[in-house]
Protein backbone atom coordinates (compact mmCIF):
# COMPACT_ATOMS: atom_id res chain seq x y z
CA MET A 1 0.04 0.01 0.00
CA ARG A 2 1.32 3.40 -0.84
CA LEU A 3 0.63 6.37 1.33
CA SER A 4 1.35 10.12 1.13
CA PHE A 5 1.40 12.64 3.83
CA SER A 6 1.73 16.49 3.57
CA GLY A 7 2.27 19.27 6.14
CA LYS A 8 3.59 16.92 8.76
CA ALA A 9 7.07 16.66 10.43
CA ILE A 10 9.08 15.23 13.17
CA THR A 11 10.18 17.92 15.51
CA GLY A 12 12.13 15.98 18.06
CA MET A 13 13.18 12.62 19.38
CA VAL A 14 14.80 11.12 22.39
CA ALA A 15 15.85 7.50 22.81
CA VAL A 16 15.93 5.97 26.34
CA VAL A 17 18.21 2.98 27.00
CA PRO A 18 18.70 0.99 30.19
CA ALA A 19 21.87 1.88 32.16
CA ASN A 20 22.38 -2.02 32.68
CA GLU A 21 24.78 -3.13 29.92
CA ARG A 22 25.46 -6.74 29.31
CA LYS A 23 28.54 -7.97 27.29
CA PHE A 24 28.37 -10.89 24.88
CA VAL A 25 31.55 -12.53 26.24
CA ASP A 26 30.13 -12.61 29.70
CA GLU A 27 27.11 -14.43 28.59
CA MET A 28 28.57 -17.20 26.43
CA ALA A 29 28.68 -19.72 29.23
CA SER A 30 24.89 -19.83 29.10
CA PHE A 31 24.84 -21.07 25.60
CA ASN A 32 25.24 -24.74 24.50
CA PHE A 33 28.09 -23.93 22.15
CA SER A 34 31.93 -23.78 22.31
CA PRO A 35 33.26 -20.32 22.99
CA ALA A 36 35.01 -20.42 19.42
CA ARG A 37 31.59 -21.05 17.72
CA SER A 38 29.92 -18.26 19.71
CA LEU A 39 32.81 -15.71 19.08
CA LYS A 40 32.57 -16.58 15.32
CA LEU A 41 29.03 -15.79 15.38
CA ALA A 42 29.54 -12.63 17.32
CA GLU A 43 32.08 -11.46 14.71
CA VAL A 44 29.77 -12.07 11.84
CA MET A 45 26.59 -10.62 13.35
CA GLY A 46 28.24 -7.66 15.16
CA TYR A 47 27.37 -8.81 18.72
CA ASP A 48 29.28 -7.11 21.48
CA ARG A 49 27.00 -5.63 24.31
CA HIS A 50 23.32 -4.94 24.66
CA ARG A 51 21.14 -2.84 27.08
CA ILE A 52 18.51 -4.76 28.89
CA VAL A 53 16.41 -3.93 32.13
CA ALA A 54 18.06 -5.49 35.16
CA GLY A 55 14.88 -5.71 37.16
CA PRO A 56 11.12 -5.65 37.02
CA ALA A 57 11.12 -2.46 34.72
CA CYS A 58 8.20 -2.36 32.36
CA SER A 59 7.49 -0.35 29.14
CA SER A 60 5.81 2.38 30.79
CA ASP A 61 8.75 3.09 33.07
CA LEU A 62 11.06 3.76 30.22
CA ALA A 63 8.48 5.84 28.45
CA VAL A 64 7.62 7.92 31.39
CA ALA A 65 11.27 8.51 31.91
CA GLY A 66 11.80 9.74 28.50
CA ILE A 67 8.73 12.17 28.48
CA GLU A 68 9.63 13.47 31.94
CA HIS A 69 13.13 14.22 30.66
CA LEU A 70 11.54 16.44 28.08
CA PHE A 71 9.22 17.96 30.66
CA ASP A 72 12.12 18.72 32.83
CA ARG A 73 14.31 20.39 30.14
CA GLY A 74 11.55 22.39 28.71
CA SER A 75 11.37 20.62 25.41
CA LEU A 76 7.76 19.50 25.85
CA ALA A 77 4.86 20.70 28.14
CA ARG A 78 1.97 18.44 29.43
CA GLU A 79 -0.73 20.89 28.08
CA GLU A 80 0.77 20.65 24.60
CA ILE A 81 0.14 16.94 24.11
CA ASP A 82 -3.15 16.33 22.21
CA ALA A 83 -2.44 12.56 21.39
CA LEU A 84 -0.28 9.81 22.85
CA ILE A 85 0.38 6.89 20.64
CA VAL A 86 2.21 3.91 22.25
CA VAL A 87 3.63 1.11 20.00
CA THR A 88 4.73 -1.88 21.88
CA GLN A 89 4.70 -5.75 22.04
CA SER A 90 5.56 -5.95 25.63
CA PRO A 91 2.72 -4.01 27.38
CA ASP A 92 2.56 -3.67 31.13
CA TYR A 93 -0.83 -5.28 31.27
CA LEU A 94 -3.26 -7.14 29.00
CA MET A 95 -5.80 -4.55 30.18
CA PRO A 96 -5.72 -1.53 30.28
CA GLY A 97 -3.44 -0.36 27.30
CA THR A 98 0.06 0.97 28.23
CA SER A 99 -0.86 4.49 26.72
CA LYS A 100 -3.46 4.80 29.46
CA VAL A 101 -0.84 3.73 32.19
CA ILE A 102 1.50 6.36 30.87
CA HIS A 103 -1.37 8.98 30.58
CA GLY A 104 -2.29 8.45 34.21
CA ARG A 105 1.40 8.44 35.43
CA LEU A 106 2.12 11.73 33.77
CA GLY A 107 -1.18 13.40 34.93
CA LEU A 108 -2.22 14.26 31.43
CA HIS A 109 -5.60 16.09 30.78
CA ASP A 110 -8.59 14.11 29.68
CA ASP A 111 -8.77 15.44 26.15
CA VAL A 112 -5.54 13.61 25.18
CA PHE A 113 -6.31 10.95 22.59
CA CYS A 114 -4.52 7.65 23.65
CA LEU A 115 -3.87 4.79 21.41
CA ASP A 116 -2.07 1.45 21.79
CA VAL A 117 -0.56 -0.25 18.71
CA ASN A 118 0.56 -3.87 18.83
CA GLN A 119 3.44 -3.82 16.35
CA GLY A 120 7.14 -4.75 16.41
CA CYS A 121 10.03 -3.99 14.15
CA ALA A 122 8.18 -1.91 11.86
CA GLY A 123 6.50 -0.16 14.57
CA PHE A 124 8.12 3.25 14.18
CA LEU A 125 6.74 3.61 10.65
CA ILE A 126 3.40 2.35 11.81
CA GLY A 127 3.34 4.88 14.63
CA LEU A 128 4.34 7.83 12.22
CA MET A 129 1.54 6.88 9.79
CA GLN A 130 -1.00 6.89 12.71
CA SER A 131 0.40 10.26 13.92
CA PHE A 132 0.32 11.85 10.69
CA MET A 133 -3.29 10.86 10.23
CA LEU A 134 -4.33 12.08 13.60
CA LEU A 135 -2.83 15.50 12.77
CA ASP A 136 -5.44 15.82 9.99
CA GLN A 137 -7.89 16.60 12.89
CA PRO A 138 -8.00 20.39 13.65
CA SER A 139 -8.04 19.76 17.38
CA ILE A 140 -4.81 17.67 17.35
CA ARG A 141 -1.63 19.82 16.97
CA LYS A 142 0.93 17.81 18.69
CA VAL A 143 1.25 13.97 18.78
CA VAL A 144 3.73 12.16 21.18
CA LEU A 145 4.74 8.90 19.66
CA VAL A 146 6.27 6.31 22.06
CA ASN A 147 7.99 3.22 20.73
CA VAL A 148 9.02 0.93 23.56
CA ASP A 149 9.76 -2.78 24.29
CA VAL A 150 11.31 -4.83 27.14
CA LEU A 151 11.31 -8.03 25.25
CA SER A 152 14.47 -9.18 27.01
CA ARG A 153 12.07 -10.54 29.73
CA LYS A 154 10.41 -12.80 27.13
CA VAL A 155 13.80 -14.20 25.50
CA SER A 156 15.53 -17.26 26.82
CA PRO A 157 19.05 -16.51 28.15
CA ARG A 158 19.99 -19.80 26.67
CA ASP A 159 18.91 -18.99 23.18
CA ARG A 160 22.10 -17.92 21.25
CA ASN A 161 20.08 -17.01 18.25
CA SER A 162 18.05 -14.26 20.08
CA TYR A 163 19.30 -13.38 23.47
CA PRO A 164 22.66 -11.72 22.46
CA LEU A 165 20.88 -9.37 20.02
CA ILE A 166 17.87 -8.41 22.12
CA GLY A 167 17.75 -4.95 23.62
CA ASP A 168 15.30 -3.02 25.72
CA ALA A 169 14.65 0.62 24.93
CA ALA A 170 12.08 3.45 24.40
CA ALA A 171 11.93 6.41 22.01
CA VAL A 172 9.69 9.49 22.42
CA THR A 173 8.97 11.13 19.07
CA VAL A 174 7.23 14.51 18.87
CA VAL A 175 5.19 14.86 15.59
CA GLU A 176 3.52 18.05 14.57
CA ARG A 177 2.04 20.00 11.58
CA GLN A 178 4.53 21.98 9.51
CA SER A 179 3.09 23.90 6.62
CA ASP A 180 6.25 24.05 4.67
CA ALA A 181 7.22 20.37 5.13
CA LYS A 182 7.92 18.46 2.05
CA PRO A 183 5.56 15.58 1.14
CA ILE A 184 6.29 12.29 2.96
CA GLU A 185 5.93 9.19 0.76
CA ALA A 186 5.55 5.69 2.19
CA SER A 187 4.94 2.16 1.22
CA ILE A 188 3.89 -0.64 3.74
CA LYS A 189 3.02 -4.33 3.29
CA MET A 190 2.04 -7.16 5.55
CA ASP A 191 1.73 -10.99 5.28
CA GLY A 192 0.15 -12.71 8.20
CA GLY A 193 0.56 -16.05 6.45
CA ARG A 194 4.13 -15.90 7.70
CA ARG A 195 3.29 -14.75 11.16
CA GLU A 196 5.01 -17.69 13.03
CA ALA A 197 8.42 -16.65 11.78
CA LEU A 198 8.70 -14.24 14.92
CA ILE A 199 6.29 -15.36 17.62
CA ILE A 200 5.82 -15.82 21.41
CA PRO A 201 3.70 -18.96 21.19
CA ALA A 202 2.21 -18.88 24.69
CA GLY A 203 0.88 -16.23 27.21
CA GLY A 204 -2.11 -15.07 25.18
CA PHE A 205 -5.66 -16.51 25.16
CA ARG A 206 -4.81 -18.90 22.33
CA GLN A 207 -2.47 -20.67 24.70
CA PRO A 208 -2.31 -19.47 28.24
CA SER A 209 1.04 -19.73 30.26
CA ASP A 210 1.18 -22.63 32.58
CA ALA A 211 3.84 -25.02 34.08
CA GLY A 212 3.97 -26.92 30.77
CA THR A 213 4.62 -23.72 28.63
CA ALA A 214 7.58 -22.75 31.06
CA GLU A 215 9.37 -25.99 30.31
CA MET A 216 12.80 -25.43 28.53
CA ILE A 217 13.35 -27.45 25.42
CA GLU A 218 16.32 -27.90 23.32
CA ASP A 219 15.79 -27.18 19.59
CA ALA A 220 17.67 -28.73 16.53
CA GLU A 221 20.36 -26.05 16.87
CA GLY A 222 21.04 -26.48 20.47
CA ASN A 223 19.24 -23.40 21.82
CA PHE A 224 17.01 -23.92 24.91
CA ARG A 225 13.68 -21.87 25.26
CA SER A 226 10.14 -22.41 26.32
CA LEU A 227 6.78 -21.70 24.65
CA ASP A 228 6.73 -18.57 26.89
CA ASN A 229 9.87 -17.31 25.02
CA LEU A 230 10.36 -15.47 21.80
CA LYS A 231 10.93 -17.97 18.86
CA MET A 232 12.69 -16.57 15.79
CA ASP A 233 13.03 -18.64 12.52
CA GLY A 234 16.36 -16.94 11.66
CA SER A 235 16.51 -18.42 8.16
CA ALA A 236 12.99 -17.46 7.33
CA VAL A 237 13.42 -13.86 8.70
CA PHE A 238 16.75 -13.54 6.72
CA ASN A 239 15.11 -14.79 3.47
CA PHE A 240 12.10 -12.54 3.93
CA VAL A 241 14.23 -9.42 4.45
CA MET A 242 16.49 -10.19 1.48
CA THR A 243 13.55 -10.98 -0.76
CA GLU A 244 10.92 -8.36 0.10
CA VAL A 245 12.67 -5.25 1.65
CA PRO A 246 14.91 -4.42 -1.26
CA VAL A 247 11.89 -4.58 -3.73
CA LEU A 248 9.92 -2.40 -1.56
CA ILE A 249 12.48 0.30 -0.83
CA GLY A 250 13.71 0.26 -4.45
CA GLY A 251 10.02 0.56 -5.63
CA LEU A 252 9.58 3.54 -3.39
CA LEU A 253 12.72 5.34 -4.48
CA ASP A 254 11.56 4.62 -8.33
CA ALA A 255 8.05 5.91 -7.69
CA THR A 256 9.50 9.21 -6.30
CA ALA A 257 12.22 9.48 -8.83
CA THR A 258 14.74 9.34 -5.96
CA SER A 259 18.29 7.88 -6.47
CA VAL A 260 20.48 6.39 -3.64
CA GLU A 261 22.71 9.53 -4.07
CA ASP A 262 19.77 11.74 -3.24
CA VAL A 263 19.31 10.22 0.13
CA ASP A 264 21.64 11.29 3.05
CA ALA A 265 20.93 8.22 5.13
CA PHE A 266 19.12 5.09 5.12
CA LEU A 267 17.72 4.57 8.68
CA CYS A 268 16.72 1.02 8.92
CA HIS A 269 15.55 -1.36 11.70
CA GLN A 270 18.53 -3.02 13.17
CA PRO A 271 18.26 -6.75 13.30
CA ASN A 272 22.04 -7.27 13.12
CA ARG A 273 25.18 -5.93 11.18
CA PHE A 274 25.31 -8.98 8.74
CA MET A 275 21.83 -8.52 7.56
CA LEU A 276 22.05 -4.71 7.11
CA HIS A 277 25.37 -5.07 5.07
CA LYS A 278 23.56 -7.67 2.72
CA LEU A 279 20.46 -5.41 2.37
CA ALA A 280 22.79 -2.46 1.68
CA ASP A 281 24.65 -4.37 -0.90
CA LYS A 282 21.37 -5.51 -2.75
CA LEU A 283 20.30 -1.97 -3.00
CA GLY A 284 23.74 -0.54 -4.11
CA ILE A 285 23.94 1.66 -0.93
CA PRO A 286 27.31 2.33 0.49
CA HIS A 287 27.58 0.89 4.07
CA ASP A 288 28.23 4.27 5.59
CA LYS A 289 24.84 5.53 4.30
CA MET A 290 23.15 2.62 6.14
CA PRO A 291 24.39 2.69 9.84
CA SER A 292 24.57 -0.78 11.41
CA ASN A 293 25.95 -0.07 14.71
CA VAL A 294 22.93 -0.25 17.11
CA VAL A 295 22.96 -3.93 17.90
CA GLU A 296 26.55 -3.99 18.86
CA ASN A 297 26.13 -1.12 21.16
CA PHE A 298 22.53 -1.47 22.52
CA GLY A 299 20.92 -4.52 21.10
CA ASN A 300 17.95 -4.98 18.74
CA SER A 301 15.09 -3.11 20.60
CA SER A 302 12.19 -3.77 17.94
CA GLY A 303 10.49 -0.63 16.95
CA VAL A 304 12.85 1.70 18.80
CA THR A 305 15.92 0.89 16.56
CA ILE A 306 15.08 3.39 13.91
CA PRO A 307 14.89 6.41 16.18
CA LEU A 308 17.92 5.06 18.11
CA VAL A 309 19.99 4.85 15.06
CA ALA A 310 19.16 8.28 14.10
CA ALA A 311 19.81 9.74 17.53
CA PHE A 312 23.19 7.69 18.07
CA ASN A 313 24.57 8.51 14.64
CA TYR A 314 23.28 11.88 13.53
CA ALA A 315 22.02 13.81 16.75
CA GLU A 316 24.26 16.89 16.15
CA ARG A 317 23.55 17.14 12.50
CA LEU A 318 19.77 16.64 12.83
CA CYS A 319 19.59 19.48 15.43
CA SER A 320 21.16 22.05 13.04
CA ASP A 321 20.41 20.61 9.41
CA THR A 322 17.94 18.86 7.29
CA MET A 323 18.60 15.28 6.14
CA ARG A 324 16.74 13.51 3.22
CA VAL A 325 16.24 10.15 4.77
CA CYS A 326 14.65 6.69 3.94
CA LEU A 327 13.24 4.91 6.84
CA SER A 328 12.71 1.18 6.69
CA GLY A 329 11.25 -1.35 9.21
CA PHE A 330 10.65 -4.97 8.69
CA GLY A 331 9.92 -7.83 11.12
CA ALA A 332 7.10 -9.34 13.22
CA GLY A 333 3.73 -9.85 11.33
CA LEU A 334 5.40 -10.10 8.87
CA THR A 335 5.41 -6.55 8.29
CA TRP A 336 7.84 -4.31 6.02
CA GLY A 337 7.76 -0.85 5.07
CA ALA A 338 9.75 2.25 3.89
CA MET A 339 9.38 5.95 4.21
CA LEU A 340 10.95 8.83 2.38
CA MET A 341 11.11 12.18 4.11
CA ASP A 342 13.04 15.20 5.24
CA LEU A 343 14.14 14.90 8.87
CA GLY A 344 15.50 18.05 10.81
CA PRO A 345 16.39 20.41 12.01
CA LEU A 346 15.07 19.04 15.23
CA ARG A 347 14.46 20.75 18.53
CA PHE A 348 16.13 17.90 20.30
CA CYS A 349 17.66 14.57 19.48
CA GLU A 350 19.52 12.65 21.94
CA VAL A 351 20.10 9.21 23.74
CA ILE A 352 19.66 9.16 27.49
CA GLU A 353 20.03 6.37 30.10
CA PHE A 354 17.31 4.85 32.24
CA GLU A 355 18.28 4.18 35.89
CA GLU A 356 16.13 1.49 37.65
CA GLU A 357 15.26 2.18 41.18
CA ALA A 358 16.97 -0.04 43.66
């Protein structure tokens, strides 16, 4: 599906990462593989360290920390928020939605439109699309988009395919009307027929968690996980990304008469360095135009990785200049999308740490 938006812009973003940092070499003993094999995987994939919550912190905790940081520095005021969109696959509760939890904790007024979206790796794009559509309403002038996940709590520490790359984080993005903003072009696709490539089998109403779903089972590759844990079919995900995403990004560039040279940066979801280098090569994009350094520094934080890669690599430039960027998210659903837009100058763009209470 092709979508176009006009008169809308991102005006600021802050990424929130846990202060707790774990190193791959310190976790290797938990995996059912020799150190040599694990280190080889780390070299190929770009594993080094990741940020995960150390205790019982939930999605709302990281989100509230990010928004309160903006309140404290005067970058955002409570009364300015007209809509709050929260995109997560690790909600605080099944009921109520996490947007309402955040709304209540921040003491926002009762005219704020709150919306929860269950979306993963393409969640930043989905959230932006929803934000842009809300801004068509005269009464909505400023949308706060929150992407957040603490999925490390649903990944088995003995799963070498998933645990080393997982990261917890939040991103708070302010989206507003901007009359002189260039049109934003987007393309989004979904295929629920391949939904089981990324899935947490138990814990919902289809298969409630119990003692049986918590049992750890070894798979054919030597990883241990339960039905309560995230299960990723790595080969299926890799083939999906290599087959579908280049066609979609290339099609969007062609439809907008945009060349790779016209784009300052390709800000993509960060599954791992190996996959991003392969994706860049397929599209003929220089590696330095598609940063791939989030997983090695913070881990894969699902829908947060796009704003995180922007803030980590381009914060200073985005606060002083305008960049022509292509955003692309792909993963759970399966969902894949791309968006071509101008980004910056932003009022704020930074990465901050979340300190858990003792």
